[in-house]
Amino acid sequence: MQQFCAHKDELLRVLDAPQVPLHTNAAENDIREYVTRRKISGGTRHELGRRARDTFTGLKKTCRKLAISFWQYLLCRLTGDETVAYLPDLIRIRASAPAPAPT
């Protein structure tokens, strides 16, 4: 109990920003796929291969977080179809939307 009292201000700081997660699992999940692919494949032979793999993995994770189909996004970019908005636009829209009320 003394430990809680000693760190009361730090422990209650979360109430100032309830939208901030209490753990880092999201950040750990973001890098888990990179590490798994690297372990399975043993890495890439060339720097360009690593950059391509990392770019597509990042795009896939961003699409997943924005709840859009990665394959649909790729098809739209490759064919010039604009049914799926550009990721920077979607991110701006999501960032400007009001945060859901805490439950």
C-alpha atoms as a PDB file:
ATOM      1  CA  MET A   1       0.000   0.000   0.000  1.00  0.00           C
ATOM      2  CA  GLN A   2       2.891   2.358   0.718  1.00  0.00           C
ATOM      3  CA  GLN A   3       4.205   1.860  -2.809  1.00  0.00           C
ATOM      4  CA  PHE A   4       0.865   2.950  -4.260  1.00  0.00           C
ATOM      5  CA  CYS A   5       0.770   6.020  -2.055  1.00  0.00           C
ATOM      6  CA  ALA A   6       4.349   6.904  -2.966  1.00  0.00           C
ATOM      7  CA  HIS A   7       3.546   6.776  -6.710  1.00  0.00           C
ATOM      8  CA  LYS A   8      -0.036   8.062  -6.544  1.00  0.00           C
ATOM      9  CA  ASP A   9       0.547  11.014  -8.897  1.00  0.00           C
ATOM     10  CA  GLU A  10       2.181   8.808 -11.530  1.00  0.00           C
ATOM     11  CA  LEU A  11      -0.530   6.158 -11.271  1.00  0.00           C
ATOM     12  CA  LEU A  12      -3.354   8.686 -11.602  1.00  0.00           C
ATOM     13  CA  ARG A  13      -1.741  10.456 -14.558  1.00  0.00           C
ATOM     14  CA  VAL A  14      -3.594   8.086 -16.873  1.00  0.00           C
ATOM     15  CA  LEU A  15      -6.835   9.852 -15.962  1.00  0.00           C
ATOM     16  CA  ASP A  16      -5.550  13.002 -17.688  1.00  0.00           C
ATOM     17  CA  ALA A  17      -5.341  11.185 -21.045  1.00  0.00           C
ATOM     18  CA  PRO A  18      -7.743   8.197 -21.071  1.00  0.00           C
ATOM     19  CA  GLN A  19      -7.224   7.634 -24.821  1.00  0.00           C
ATOM     20  CA  VAL A  20      -3.610   6.558 -24.211  1.00  0.00           C
ATOM     21  CA  PRO A  21      -3.375   2.774 -23.732  1.00  0.00           C
ATOM     22  CA  LEU A  22      -2.076   1.462 -20.444  1.00  0.00           C
ATOM     23  CA  HIS A  23       0.215  -1.054 -22.140  1.00  0.00           C
ATOM     24  CA  THR A  24       2.492  -1.265 -25.154  1.00  0.00           C
ATOM     25  CA  ASN A  25       0.986  -4.403 -26.677  1.00  0.00           C
ATOM     26  CA  ALA A  26      -0.058  -2.500 -29.822  1.00  0.00           C
ATOM     27  CA  ALA A  27       3.524  -1.403 -30.440  1.00  0.00           C
ATOM     28  CA  GLU A  28       4.810  -4.918 -29.790  1.00  0.00           C
ATOM     29  CA  ASN A  29       2.218  -6.365 -32.173  1.00  0.00           C
ATOM     30  CA  ASP A  30       3.344  -3.918 -34.858  1.00  0.00           C
ATOM     31  CA  ILE A  31       6.888  -5.291 -34.890  1.00  0.00           C
ATOM     32  CA  ARG A  32       6.005  -8.958 -34.269  1.00  0.00           C
ATOM     33  CA  GLU A  33       5.266  -9.666 -37.955  1.00  0.00           C
ATOM     34  CA  TYR A  34       8.596  -8.159 -39.054  1.00  0.00           C
ATOM     35  CA  VAL A  35      10.488 -10.346 -36.602  1.00  0.00           C
ATOM     36  CA  THR A  36       8.548 -13.497 -37.513  1.00  0.00           C
ATOM     37  CA  ARG A  37       9.160 -12.995 -41.239  1.00  0.00           C
ATOM     38  CA  ARG A  38      12.846 -12.337 -40.647  1.00  0.00           C
ATOM     39  CA  LYS A  39      13.204 -15.509 -38.561  1.00  0.00           C
ATOM     40  CA  ILE A  40      11.385 -17.693 -41.078  1.00  0.00           C
ATOM     41  CA  SER A  41      13.107 -16.365 -44.183  1.00  0.00           C
ATOM     42  CA  GLY A  42      16.483 -15.757 -42.605  1.00  0.00           C
ATOM     43  CA  GLY A  43      16.385 -12.185 -43.832  1.00  0.00           C
ATOM     44  CA  THR A  44      16.716 -10.845 -47.339  1.00  0.00           C
ATOM     45  CA  ARG A  45      19.654 -11.027 -49.701  1.00  0.00           C
ATOM     46  CA  HIS A  46      19.601  -7.375 -50.608  1.00  0.00           C
ATOM     47  CA  GLU A  47      18.758  -4.060 -48.973  1.00  0.00           C
ATOM     48  CA  LEU A  48      16.090  -3.394 -51.627  1.00  0.00           C
ATOM     49  CA  GLY A  49      14.372  -6.671 -50.726  1.00  0.00           C
ATOM     50  CA  ARG A  50      14.289  -5.725 -47.064  1.00  0.00           C
ATOM     51  CA  ARG A  51      12.885  -2.299 -47.880  1.00  0.00           C
ATOM     52  CA  ALA A  52      10.201  -3.815 -50.128  1.00  0.00           C
ATOM     53  CA  ARG A  53       9.194  -6.353 -47.463  1.00  0.00           C
ATOM     54  CA  ASP A  54       9.072  -3.689 -44.747  1.00  0.00           C
ATOM     55  CA  THR A  55       7.120  -1.272 -46.956  1.00  0.00           C
ATOM     56  CA  PHE A  56       4.443  -3.806 -47.841  1.00  0.00           C
ATOM     57  CA  THR A  57       4.184  -5.034 -44.256  1.00  0.00           C
ATOM     58  CA  GLY A  58       3.747  -1.448 -43.075  1.00  0.00           C
ATOM     59  CA  LEU A  59       1.097  -0.778 -45.716  1.00  0.00           C
ATOM     60  CA  LYS A  60      -0.749  -3.946 -44.750  1.00  0.00           C
ATOM     61  CA  LYS A  61      -0.738  -3.049 -41.055  1.00  0.00           C
ATOM     62  CA  THR A  62      -1.884   0.511 -41.762  1.00  0.00           C
ATOM     63  CA  CYS A  63      -4.759  -0.767 -43.898  1.00  0.00           C
ATOM     64  CA  ARG A  64      -5.724  -3.202 -41.150  1.00  0.00           C
ATOM     65  CA  LYS A  65      -5.765  -0.416 -38.541  1.00  0.00           C
ATOM     66  CA  LEU A  66      -7.938   1.724 -40.827  1.00  0.00           C
ATOM     67  CA  ALA A  67     -10.288  -1.236 -41.450  1.00  0.00           C
ATOM     68  CA  ILE A  68      -9.771  -1.302 -45.217  1.00  0.00           C
ATOM     69  CA  SER A  69      -8.774  -4.221 -47.410  1.00  0.00           C
ATOM     70  CA  PHE A  70      -5.049  -4.259 -48.166  1.00  0.00           C
ATOM     71  CA  TRP A  71      -5.632  -6.041 -51.486  1.00  0.00           C
ATOM     72  CA  GLN A  72      -8.375  -3.611 -52.468  1.00  0.00           C
ATOM     73  CA  TYR A  73      -6.040  -0.721 -51.618  1.00  0.00           C
ATOM     74  CA  LEU A  74      -3.260  -2.216 -53.774  1.00  0.00           C
ATOM     75  CA  LEU A  75      -5.619  -2.858 -56.691  1.00  0.00           C
ATOM     76  CA  CYS A  76      -6.904   0.720 -56.516  1.00  0.00           C
ATOM     77  CA  ARG A  77      -3.364   2.115 -56.555  1.00  0.00           C
ATOM     78  CA  LEU A  78      -2.234  -0.144 -59.411  1.00  0.00           C
ATOM     79  CA  THR A  79      -5.274   0.389 -61.629  1.00  0.00           C
ATOM     80  CA  GLY A  80      -5.768   4.095 -60.924  1.00  0.00           C
ATOM     81  CA  ASP A  81      -9.202   3.411 -59.468  1.00  0.00           C
ATOM     82  CA  GLU A  82      -9.949   5.870 -56.673  1.00  0.00           C
ATOM     83  CA  THR A  83     -12.622   3.935 -54.792  1.00  0.00           C
ATOM     84  CA  VAL A  84     -10.268   3.644 -51.818  1.00  0.00           C
ATOM     85  CA  ALA A  85      -8.885   6.960 -50.606  1.00  0.00           C
ATOM     86  CA  TYR A  86      -5.155   7.506 -50.162  1.00  0.00           C
ATOM     87  CA  LEU A  87      -3.797   6.398 -46.799  1.00  0.00           C
ATOM     88  CA  PRO A  88      -2.618   9.873 -45.707  1.00  0.00           C
ATOM     89  CA  ASP A  89      -6.133  11.201 -46.316  1.00  0.00           C
ATOM     90  CA  LEU A  90      -7.694   8.333 -44.366  1.00  0.00           C
ATOM     91  CA  ILE A  91      -5.269   8.854 -41.492  1.00  0.00           C
ATOM     92  CA  ARG A  92      -6.071  12.596 -41.365  1.00  0.00           C
ATOM     93  CA  ILE A  93      -9.795  11.849 -41.331  1.00  0.00           C
ATOM     94  CA  ARG A  94      -9.374   9.288 -38.548  1.00  0.00           C
ATOM     95  CA  ALA A  95      -7.156  11.644 -36.519  1.00  0.00           C
ATOM     96  CA  SER A  96      -9.623  14.528 -36.788  1.00  0.00           C
ATOM     97  CA  ALA A  97     -12.616  12.412 -35.728  1.00  0.00           C
ATOM     98  CA  PRO A  98     -13.609  12.837 -32.087  1.00  0.00           C
ATOM     99  CA  ALA A  99     -12.314  10.122 -29.804  1.00  0.00           C
ATOM    100  CA  PRO A 100     -14.932   7.682 -28.513  1.00  0.00           C
ATOM    101  CA  ALA A 101     -16.092   8.316 -24.977  1.00  0.00           C
ATOM    102  CA  PRO A 102     -14.377   6.109 -22.408  1.00  0.00           C
ATOM    103  CA  THR A 103     -16.517   3.354 -20.980  1.00  0.00           C
END
